[in-house]
Amino acid sequence: MMKSKAYYLNLEYGIATRKLSEEEGGDILAYYTDLPFIAGDGESIEEAINDAKSAFACYLDVALEKGDVVKEPSHLMKTKRINITVPIYALEQIDTYAKSLNMNRSTFLVESALKQVRV
């Protein structure tokens, strides 16, 4: 499922900042901790963060146009194993359908459940 630019812009990505040395320009550097290749700079922390966010928005335009996978914040990707009971006939149908979408069972079940709760 292709997610929109707005979806990614609304996620809470971690942004780190650091003071640059005089040889590096002396300003403030801000970068996405999960996407360190996306960065910005500025004379203040706020300016550097805004610049990094602008760079992220530009990255999304290109990545989404090309169909690239955009990494979500690592804190959202943690998983928990659960046990559920599903009738065998239903499990077979779920597996067949998920396979036709090139998904595994877990991904299909999570995405299907999320569609129901995002009313």
N, C-alpha and C. Protein backbone atom coordinates (compact mmCIF):
# COMPACT_ATOMS: atom_id res chain seq x y z
N MET A 1 0.85 -1.17 0.00
CA MET A 1 0.00 0.00 0.00
C MET A 1 0.90 1.24 0.00
N MET A 2 0.69 2.12 -0.95
CA MET A 2 1.47 3.35 -1.06
C MET A 2 0.90 4.38 -0.09
N LYS A 3 1.76 4.93 0.73
CA LYS A 3 1.34 5.93 1.70
C LYS A 3 1.65 7.31 1.14
N SER A 4 0.91 8.30 1.61
CA SER A 4 1.02 9.65 1.06
C SER A 4 2.12 10.46 1.74
N LYS A 5 2.45 11.55 1.11
CA LYS A 5 3.42 12.49 1.68
C LYS A 5 2.93 12.99 3.03
N ALA A 6 1.64 13.30 3.12
CA ALA A 6 1.07 13.79 4.38
C ALA A 6 1.23 12.75 5.49
N TYR A 7 1.08 11.48 5.14
CA TYR A 7 1.24 10.41 6.13
C TYR A 7 2.63 10.49 6.76
N TYR A 8 3.66 10.54 5.91
CA TYR A 8 5.03 10.56 6.42
C TYR A 8 5.35 11.86 7.16
N LEU A 9 4.83 12.98 6.67
CA LEU A 9 5.10 14.25 7.33
C LEU A 9 4.48 14.32 8.73
N ASN A 10 3.45 13.53 8.97
CA ASN A 10 2.79 13.53 10.27
C ASN A 10 3.38 12.51 11.25
N LEU A 11 4.33 11.70 10.82
CA LEU A 11 4.98 10.76 11.73
C LEU A 11 6.00 11.50 12.59
N GLU A 12 6.25 10.98 13.77
CA GLU A 12 7.18 11.62 14.70
C GLU A 12 8.58 11.03 14.53
N TYR A 13 9.30 11.54 13.56
CA TYR A 13 10.69 11.14 13.35
C TYR A 13 11.57 11.88 14.36
N GLY A 14 12.62 11.20 14.82
CA GLY A 14 13.58 11.85 15.71
C GLY A 14 14.52 12.74 14.90
N ILE A 15 14.77 13.93 15.41
CA ILE A 15 15.72 14.85 14.78
C ILE A 15 16.77 15.22 15.82
N ALA A 16 18.02 15.00 15.48
CA ALA A 16 19.13 15.35 16.37
C ALA A 16 19.78 16.62 15.84
N THR A 17 20.40 17.36 16.75
CA THR A 17 21.12 18.57 16.35
C THR A 17 22.51 18.57 16.99
N ARG A 18 23.41 19.28 16.33
CA ARG A 18 24.74 19.47 16.91
C ARG A 18 25.33 20.75 16.34
N LYS A 19 26.19 21.35 17.14
CA LYS A 19 26.91 22.56 16.71
C LYS A 19 28.02 22.13 15.77
N LEU A 20 28.10 22.79 14.64
CA LEU A 20 29.16 22.51 13.67
C LEU A 20 30.43 23.24 14.08
N SER A 21 31.56 22.64 13.78
CA SER A 21 32.85 23.31 14.04
C SER A 21 33.00 24.48 13.08
N GLU A 22 33.94 25.33 13.36
CA GLU A 22 34.19 26.47 12.48
C GLU A 22 34.57 25.99 11.07
N GLU A 23 35.32 24.87 11.00
CA GLU A 23 35.70 24.32 9.68
C GLU A 23 34.48 23.82 8.91
N GLU A 24 33.43 23.41 9.65
CA GLU A 24 32.21 22.92 9.01
C GLU A 24 31.21 24.03 8.72
N GLY A 25 31.50 25.22 9.15
CA GLY A 25 30.62 26.35 8.89
C GLY A 25 30.13 27.06 10.13
N GLY A 26 30.26 26.40 11.29
CA GLY A 26 29.94 27.04 12.55
C GLY A 26 28.47 27.15 12.92
N ASP A 27 27.57 26.74 12.06
CA ASP A 27 26.14 26.84 12.39
C ASP A 27 25.69 25.59 13.15
N ILE A 28 24.40 25.34 13.12
CA ILE A 28 23.79 24.17 13.75
C ILE A 28 23.38 23.19 12.65
N LEU A 29 23.67 21.92 12.86
CA LEU A 29 23.25 20.85 11.95
C LEU A 29 22.08 20.12 12.58
N ALA A 30 21.05 19.82 11.82
CA ALA A 30 19.92 19.00 12.27
C ALA A 30 19.78 17.86 11.27
N TYR A 31 19.59 16.64 11.78
CA TYR A 31 19.42 15.49 10.88
C TYR A 31 18.45 14.49 11.49
N TYR A 32 17.80 13.74 10.62
CA TYR A 32 16.85 12.71 11.04
C TYR A 32 17.64 11.50 11.53
N THR A 33 17.36 11.06 12.75
CA THR A 33 18.12 9.96 13.32
C THR A 33 17.91 8.65 12.57
N ASP A 34 16.73 8.44 12.01
CA ASP A 34 16.46 7.23 11.23
C ASP A 34 16.83 7.39 9.76
N LEU A 35 17.06 8.62 9.32
CA LEU A 35 17.39 8.92 7.93
C LEU A 35 18.54 9.93 7.92
N PRO A 36 19.73 9.53 8.36
CA PRO A 36 20.81 10.50 8.55
C PRO A 36 21.28 11.20 7.28
N PHE A 37 20.85 10.71 6.12
CA PHE A 37 21.19 11.38 4.87
C PHE A 37 20.30 12.58 4.60
N ILE A 38 19.32 12.82 5.47
CA ILE A 38 18.46 13.99 5.35
C ILE A 38 18.82 14.95 6.47
N ALA A 39 19.32 16.11 6.10
CA ALA A 39 19.80 17.06 7.10
C ALA A 39 19.52 18.49 6.66
N GLY A 40 19.67 19.39 7.60
CA GLY A 40 19.54 20.81 7.33
C GLY A 40 20.45 21.57 8.28
N ASP A 41 20.62 22.84 8.00
CA ASP A 41 21.44 23.64 8.91
C ASP A 41 20.84 25.02 9.04
N GLY A 42 21.33 25.73 10.03
CA GLY A 42 20.85 27.08 10.26
C GLY A 42 21.63 27.74 11.38
N GLU A 43 21.36 29.00 11.58
CA GLU A 43 22.05 29.75 12.63
C GLU A 43 21.51 29.41 14.01
N SER A 44 20.27 28.88 14.06
CA SER A 44 19.68 28.47 15.34
C SER A 44 19.18 27.03 15.21
N ILE A 45 18.88 26.42 16.34
CA ILE A 45 18.35 25.05 16.32
C ILE A 45 17.03 25.02 15.56
N GLU A 46 16.16 25.98 15.82
CA GLU A 46 14.87 26.03 15.15
C GLU A 46 15.03 26.14 13.62
N GLU A 47 15.94 27.00 13.19
CA GLU A 47 16.18 27.18 11.76
C GLU A 47 16.74 25.89 11.14
N ALA A 48 17.64 25.23 11.85
CA ALA A 48 18.23 23.99 11.34
C ALA A 48 17.18 22.89 11.23
N ILE A 49 16.32 22.78 12.24
CA ILE A 49 15.25 21.76 12.22
C ILE A 49 14.28 22.05 11.07
N ASN A 50 13.89 23.30 10.90
CA ASN A 50 13.00 23.66 9.79
C ASN A 50 13.63 23.34 8.44
N ASP A 51 14.93 23.57 8.32
CA ASP A 51 15.63 23.26 7.08
C ASP A 51 15.65 21.75 6.83
N ALA A 52 15.87 20.97 7.89
CA ALA A 52 15.86 19.51 7.76
C ALA A 52 14.47 19.02 7.37
N LYS A 53 13.44 19.60 7.95
CA LYS A 53 12.07 19.21 7.61
C LYS A 53 11.76 19.55 6.15
N SER A 54 12.26 20.66 5.68
CA SER A 54 12.08 21.03 4.28
C SER A 54 12.79 20.02 3.37
N ALA A 55 14.00 19.61 3.77
CA ALA A 55 14.74 18.60 2.99
C ALA A 55 13.99 17.28 2.98
N PHE A 56 13.38 16.93 4.11
CA PHE A 56 12.61 15.68 4.19
C PHE A 56 11.42 15.73 3.24
N ALA A 57 10.73 16.86 3.19
CA ALA A 57 9.58 17.01 2.29
C ALA A 57 10.01 16.85 0.83
N CYS A 58 11.16 17.42 0.47
CA CYS A 58 11.68 17.27 -0.89
C CYS A 58 12.05 15.82 -1.18
N TYR A 59 12.68 15.17 -0.20
CA TYR A 59 13.02 13.75 -0.34
C TYR A 59 11.76 12.93 -0.59
N LEU A 60 10.70 13.21 0.16
CA LEU A 60 9.45 12.46 -0.01
C LEU A 60 8.88 12.64 -1.42
N ASP A 61 8.92 13.85 -1.95
CA ASP A 61 8.42 14.08 -3.30
C ASP A 61 9.09 13.14 -4.29
N VAL A 62 10.40 13.05 -4.21
CA VAL A 62 11.17 12.22 -5.14
C VAL A 62 10.95 10.73 -4.86
N ALA A 63 11.06 10.34 -3.59
CA ALA A 63 10.94 8.92 -3.23
C ALA A 63 9.57 8.37 -3.58
N LEU A 64 8.52 9.11 -3.29
CA LEU A 64 7.17 8.63 -3.58
C LEU A 64 6.91 8.58 -5.09
N GLU A 65 7.44 9.55 -5.82
CA GLU A 65 7.28 9.55 -7.28
C GLU A 65 7.96 8.33 -7.90
N LYS A 66 9.12 7.96 -7.35
CA LYS A 66 9.87 6.82 -7.86
C LYS A 66 9.35 5.48 -7.33
N GLY A 67 8.47 5.52 -6.32
CA GLY A 67 7.96 4.29 -5.71
C GLY A 67 8.93 3.66 -4.73
N ASP A 68 9.88 4.45 -4.23
CA ASP A 68 10.85 3.95 -3.25
C ASP A 68 10.17 3.69 -1.91
N VAL A 69 10.75 2.79 -1.14
CA VAL A 69 10.28 2.53 0.22
C VAL A 69 10.83 3.63 1.11
N VAL A 70 9.96 4.25 1.89
CA VAL A 70 10.37 5.28 2.83
C VAL A 70 10.36 4.67 4.22
N LYS A 71 11.50 4.71 4.88
CA LYS A 71 11.62 4.13 6.22
C LYS A 71 10.79 4.93 7.20
N GLU A 72 10.02 4.22 8.01
CA GLU A 72 9.25 4.88 9.06
C GLU A 72 10.10 4.96 10.33
N PRO A 73 9.72 5.82 11.26
CA PRO A 73 10.50 5.94 12.49
C PRO A 73 10.67 4.59 13.18
N SER A 74 11.87 4.32 13.65
CA SER A 74 12.16 3.01 14.23
C SER A 74 11.29 2.71 15.44
N HIS A 75 10.89 3.73 16.20
CA HIS A 75 10.06 3.46 17.37
C HIS A 75 8.67 2.94 16.99
N LEU A 76 8.25 3.15 15.76
CA LEU A 76 6.95 2.64 15.31
C LEU A 76 7.04 1.21 14.77
N MET A 77 8.26 0.75 14.53
CA MET A 77 8.44 -0.55 13.88
C MET A 77 8.61 -1.70 14.86
N LYS A 78 8.57 -1.43 16.15
CA LYS A 78 8.67 -2.51 17.13
C LYS A 78 7.43 -3.39 17.01
N THR A 79 7.62 -4.67 17.21
CA THR A 79 6.50 -5.60 17.08
C THR A 79 6.31 -6.39 18.37
N LYS A 80 5.16 -7.02 18.47
CA LYS A 80 4.85 -7.87 19.60
C LYS A 80 4.14 -9.10 19.06
N ARG A 81 4.61 -10.24 19.46
CA ARG A 81 3.99 -11.50 19.04
C ARG A 81 2.73 -11.72 19.88
N ILE A 82 1.63 -12.07 19.21
CA ILE A 82 0.38 -12.39 19.89
C ILE A 82 -0.14 -13.72 19.38
N ASN A 83 -1.01 -14.33 20.13
CA ASN A 83 -1.67 -15.56 19.69
C ASN A 83 -3.14 -15.25 19.43
N ILE A 84 -3.64 -15.67 18.28
CA ILE A 84 -5.06 -15.53 17.97
C ILE A 84 -5.57 -16.88 17.48
N THR A 85 -6.86 -17.06 17.59
CA THR A 85 -7.48 -18.29 17.11
C THR A 85 -8.27 -17.97 15.85
N VAL A 86 -7.96 -18.70 14.78
CA VAL A 86 -8.60 -18.50 13.48
C VAL A 86 -8.99 -19.86 12.94
N PRO A 87 -10.23 -20.00 12.45
CA PRO A 87 -10.60 -21.28 11.84
C PRO A 87 -9.69 -21.60 10.65
N ILE A 88 -9.39 -22.86 10.47
CA ILE A 88 -8.46 -23.28 9.41
C ILE A 88 -8.93 -22.81 8.04
N TYR A 89 -10.23 -22.93 7.75
CA TYR A 89 -10.71 -22.51 6.42
C TYR A 89 -10.44 -21.02 6.20
N ALA A 90 -10.60 -20.21 7.26
CA ALA A 90 -10.37 -18.77 7.13
C ALA A 90 -8.88 -18.49 6.96
N LEU A 91 -8.06 -19.21 7.70
CA LEU A 91 -6.62 -19.02 7.61
C LEU A 91 -6.11 -19.35 6.20
N GLU A 92 -6.65 -20.39 5.61
CA GLU A 92 -6.25 -20.75 4.24
C GLU A 92 -6.64 -19.65 3.26
N GLN A 93 -7.83 -19.09 3.42
CA GLN A 93 -8.27 -18.02 2.53
C GLN A 93 -7.43 -16.76 2.74
N ILE A 94 -7.13 -16.45 3.99
CA ILE A 94 -6.29 -15.29 4.30
C ILE A 94 -4.92 -15.45 3.67
N ASP A 95 -4.33 -16.62 3.84
CA ASP A 95 -2.99 -16.86 3.30
C ASP A 95 -2.97 -16.77 1.77
N THR A 96 -3.97 -17.33 1.12
CA THR A 96 -4.05 -17.29 -0.34
C THR A 96 -4.18 -15.84 -0.82
N TYR A 97 -5.06 -15.09 -0.18
CA TYR A 97 -5.28 -13.70 -0.59
C TYR A 97 -4.05 -12.85 -0.31
N ALA A 98 -3.45 -13.02 0.86
CA ALA A 98 -2.25 -12.25 1.21
C ALA A 98 -1.13 -12.55 0.21
N LYS A 99 -0.98 -13.81 -0.15
CA LYS A 99 0.07 -14.19 -1.11
C LYS A 99 -0.17 -13.52 -2.46
N SER A 100 -1.45 -13.40 -2.86
CA SER A 100 -1.75 -12.76 -4.15
C SER A 100 -1.38 -11.27 -4.14
N LEU A 101 -1.28 -10.69 -2.94
CA LEU A 101 -0.89 -9.28 -2.79
C LEU A 101 0.60 -9.14 -2.46
N ASN A 102 1.32 -10.26 -2.53
CA ASN A 102 2.75 -10.30 -2.16
C ASN A 102 2.97 -9.82 -0.73
N MET A 103 2.10 -10.24 0.17
CA MET A 103 2.20 -9.90 1.60
C MET A 103 2.31 -11.18 2.40
N ASN A 104 2.86 -11.07 3.58
CA ASN A 104 2.79 -12.20 4.48
C ASN A 104 1.51 -12.08 5.31
N ARG A 105 1.18 -13.12 6.03
CA ARG A 105 -0.05 -13.16 6.81
C ARG A 105 -0.11 -12.02 7.83
N SER A 106 0.97 -11.81 8.55
CA SER A 106 0.96 -10.78 9.60
C SER A 106 0.71 -9.39 9.03
N THR A 107 1.41 -9.06 7.94
CA THR A 107 1.23 -7.75 7.32
C THR A 107 -0.21 -7.57 6.86
N PHE A 108 -0.75 -8.60 6.22
CA PHE A 108 -2.13 -8.52 5.74
C PHE A 108 -3.11 -8.31 6.90
N LEU A 109 -2.94 -9.07 7.97
CA LEU A 109 -3.86 -8.95 9.10
C LEU A 109 -3.75 -7.58 9.76
N VAL A 110 -2.54 -7.07 9.91
CA VAL A 110 -2.36 -5.75 10.53
C VAL A 110 -2.98 -4.67 9.65
N GLU A 111 -2.68 -4.69 8.35
CA GLU A 111 -3.22 -3.66 7.45
C GLU A 111 -4.75 -3.73 7.38
N SER A 112 -5.30 -4.94 7.35
CA SER A 112 -6.76 -5.10 7.31
C SER A 112 -7.40 -4.57 8.59
N ALA A 113 -6.80 -4.89 9.73
CA ALA A 113 -7.34 -4.42 11.01
C ALA A 113 -7.25 -2.90 11.10
N LEU A 114 -6.14 -2.33 10.65
CA LEU A 114 -5.99 -0.88 10.71
C LEU A 114 -7.00 -0.15 9.84
N LYS A 115 -7.36 -0.75 8.71
CA LYS A 115 -8.39 -0.13 7.85
C LYS A 115 -9.72 -0.04 8.61
N GLN A 116 -9.99 -1.01 9.45
CA GLN A 116 -11.25 -1.03 10.21
C GLN A 116 -11.25 0.00 11.35
N VAL A 117 -10.11 0.21 11.97
CA VAL A 117 -10.08 1.12 13.13
C VAL A 117 -9.82 2.56 12.73
N ARG A 118 -9.41 2.82 11.49
CA ARG A 118 -9.19 4.19 11.01
C ARG A 118 -10.42 4.71 10.30
N VAL A 119 -11.52 4.68 10.94
CA VAL A 119 -12.80 5.10 10.36
C VAL A 119 -12.91 6.60 10.32
